[in-house]
């Protein structure tokens, strides 16, 4: 069972993320579309969901669907994007994402973020 579910379709960045997960002892399930993220989240008790808002298929829609689980949802949803995409960041927060950060900050804090997913 995964500690975190990650929506990412950038294979180079996915490799970096999976290597960091291995180093931190965090199990990660990756998906490539928003629909796959919603399905994986429904089937898993993972406490952390990470979303690349620049994924090509349904990232924001998936956050909205996950947010529909209500304010009592114990999952932490973190999204990352280019620092210049302020409108998209605001839309992700409105959709229910607790943390939205530039890709550079996400990358810098990746190990700590993944460690936070472990029970």
Protein backbone atom coordinates (compact mmCIF):
# COMPACT_ATOMS: atom_id res chain seq x y z
CA UNK A 1 0.00 0.00 0.00
CA UNK A 2 1.36 3.40 -0.98
CA UNK A 3 2.11 6.22 1.46
CA UNK A 4 1.51 8.78 -1.32
CA UNK A 5 -0.23 8.95 -4.67
CA UNK A 6 1.32 11.25 -7.26
CA UNK A 7 -0.21 12.58 -10.47
CA UNK A 8 2.72 13.26 -12.76
CA UNK A 9 3.26 12.74 -16.47
CA UNK A 10 6.76 14.22 -16.74
CA UNK A 11 8.92 11.09 -16.88
CA UNK A 12 12.17 12.88 -16.03
CA UNK A 13 10.72 14.48 -12.92
CA UNK A 14 8.93 11.24 -12.02
CA UNK A 15 12.31 9.49 -11.95
CA UNK A 16 13.67 12.12 -9.54
CA UNK A 17 10.58 11.83 -7.34
CA UNK A 18 10.76 8.03 -7.22
CA UNK A 19 14.47 8.11 -6.37
CA UNK A 20 13.82 10.54 -3.52
CA UNK A 21 10.95 8.35 -2.32
CA UNK A 22 13.28 5.35 -2.27
CA UNK A 23 15.86 7.31 -0.26
CA UNK A 24 13.24 8.35 2.30
CA UNK A 25 11.62 4.91 2.53
CA UNK A 26 8.31 6.28 1.23
CA UNK A 27 6.16 4.12 -1.02
CA UNK A 28 4.67 6.04 -3.92
CA UNK A 29 2.08 5.15 -6.52
CA UNK A 30 2.27 7.27 -9.66
CA UNK A 31 -0.56 7.94 -12.08
CA UNK A 32 -0.59 9.91 -15.33
CA UNK A 33 -4.13 11.33 -15.50
CA UNK A 34 -6.64 12.99 -13.22
CA UNK A 35 -9.09 10.11 -13.66
CA UNK A 36 -6.41 7.62 -12.60
CA UNK A 37 -5.67 9.77 -9.55
CA UNK A 38 -9.31 9.77 -8.44
CA UNK A 39 -9.50 5.98 -8.91
CA UNK A 40 -6.23 5.39 -7.04
CA UNK A 41 -7.31 7.67 -4.19
CA UNK A 42 -10.61 5.80 -3.87
CA UNK A 43 -8.76 2.49 -3.62
CA UNK A 44 -5.98 3.59 -1.26
CA UNK A 45 -5.76 5.03 2.25
CA UNK A 46 -2.65 7.04 1.28
CA UNK A 47 -2.46 10.14 3.48
CA UNK A 48 -0.71 12.30 0.87
CA UNK A 49 -1.69 13.19 -2.66
CA UNK A 50 0.71 15.15 -4.85
CA UNK A 51 -0.45 16.77 -8.08
CA UNK A 52 1.63 18.24 -10.89
CA UNK A 53 -0.73 20.97 -12.05
CA UNK A 54 1.02 20.97 -15.42
CA UNK A 55 0.03 17.36 -16.09
CA UNK A 56 -1.77 17.26 -19.41
CA UNK A 57 -4.92 15.38 -18.39
CA UNK A 58 -7.27 16.49 -15.65
CA UNK A 59 -5.11 17.63 -12.75
CA UNK A 60 -7.39 20.44 -11.57
CA UNK A 61 -10.54 18.37 -12.12
CA UNK A 62 -9.06 15.60 -9.99
CA UNK A 63 -8.36 18.01 -7.12
CA UNK A 64 -11.95 19.23 -7.33
CA UNK A 65 -13.25 15.65 -7.19
CA UNK A 66 -10.98 14.83 -4.24
CA UNK A 67 -12.10 18.03 -2.50
CA UNK A 68 -15.66 16.83 -2.86
CA UNK A 69 -14.81 14.30 -0.17
CA UNK A 70 -15.51 17.08 2.32
CA UNK A 71 -13.59 19.14 4.87
CA UNK A 72 -13.18 16.09 7.11
CA UNK A 73 -11.00 14.46 4.47
CA UNK A 74 -7.78 13.53 6.31
CA UNK A 75 -5.66 13.54 3.16
CA UNK A 76 -3.14 16.24 2.49
CA UNK A 77 -3.18 17.46 -1.11
CA UNK A 78 -0.05 19.22 -2.35
CA UNK A 79 0.26 20.66 -5.85
CA UNK A 80 3.17 22.17 -7.69
CA UNK A 81 3.48 24.27 -10.83
CA UNK A 82 5.53 26.95 -12.54
CA UNK A 83 5.96 30.01 -10.30
CA UNK A 84 4.36 32.28 -12.90
CA UNK A 85 1.04 30.42 -12.95
CA UNK A 86 -0.62 32.40 -10.16
CA UNK A 87 -4.16 32.04 -11.56
CA UNK A 88 -3.81 28.26 -11.72
CA UNK A 89 -2.45 28.22 -8.16
CA UNK A 90 -5.49 30.16 -6.94
CA UNK A 91 -7.84 27.80 -8.76
CA UNK A 92 -6.13 24.78 -7.16
CA UNK A 93 -6.55 26.29 -3.68
CA UNK A 94 -10.22 26.98 -4.40
CA UNK A 95 -10.62 23.38 -5.58
CA UNK A 96 -9.41 22.09 -2.21
CA UNK A 97 -5.63 21.85 -2.45
CA UNK A 98 -4.06 22.64 0.94
CA UNK A 99 -0.57 23.46 -0.35
CA UNK A 100 0.35 24.90 -3.74
CA UNK A 101 3.98 25.69 -4.41
CA UNK A 102 6.35 26.48 -7.24
CA UNK A 103 8.14 23.46 -8.69
CA UNK A 104 11.48 24.80 -7.38
CA UNK A 105 10.24 24.93 -3.78
CA UNK A 106 8.56 21.54 -4.15
CA UNK A 107 11.80 20.04 -5.45
CA UNK A 108 13.82 21.65 -2.67
CA UNK A 109 11.48 20.23 0.01
CA UNK A 110 10.64 16.93 -1.70
CA UNK A 111 12.36 14.66 0.81
CA UNK A 112 10.64 16.33 3.77
CA UNK A 113 7.28 16.26 1.99
CA UNK A 114 7.61 12.55 1.29
CA UNK A 115 8.74 11.79 4.84
CA UNK A 116 5.56 13.52 6.02
CA UNK A 117 3.49 10.95 4.13
CA UNK A 118 4.71 8.08 6.26
CA UNK A 119 2.50 6.98 9.15
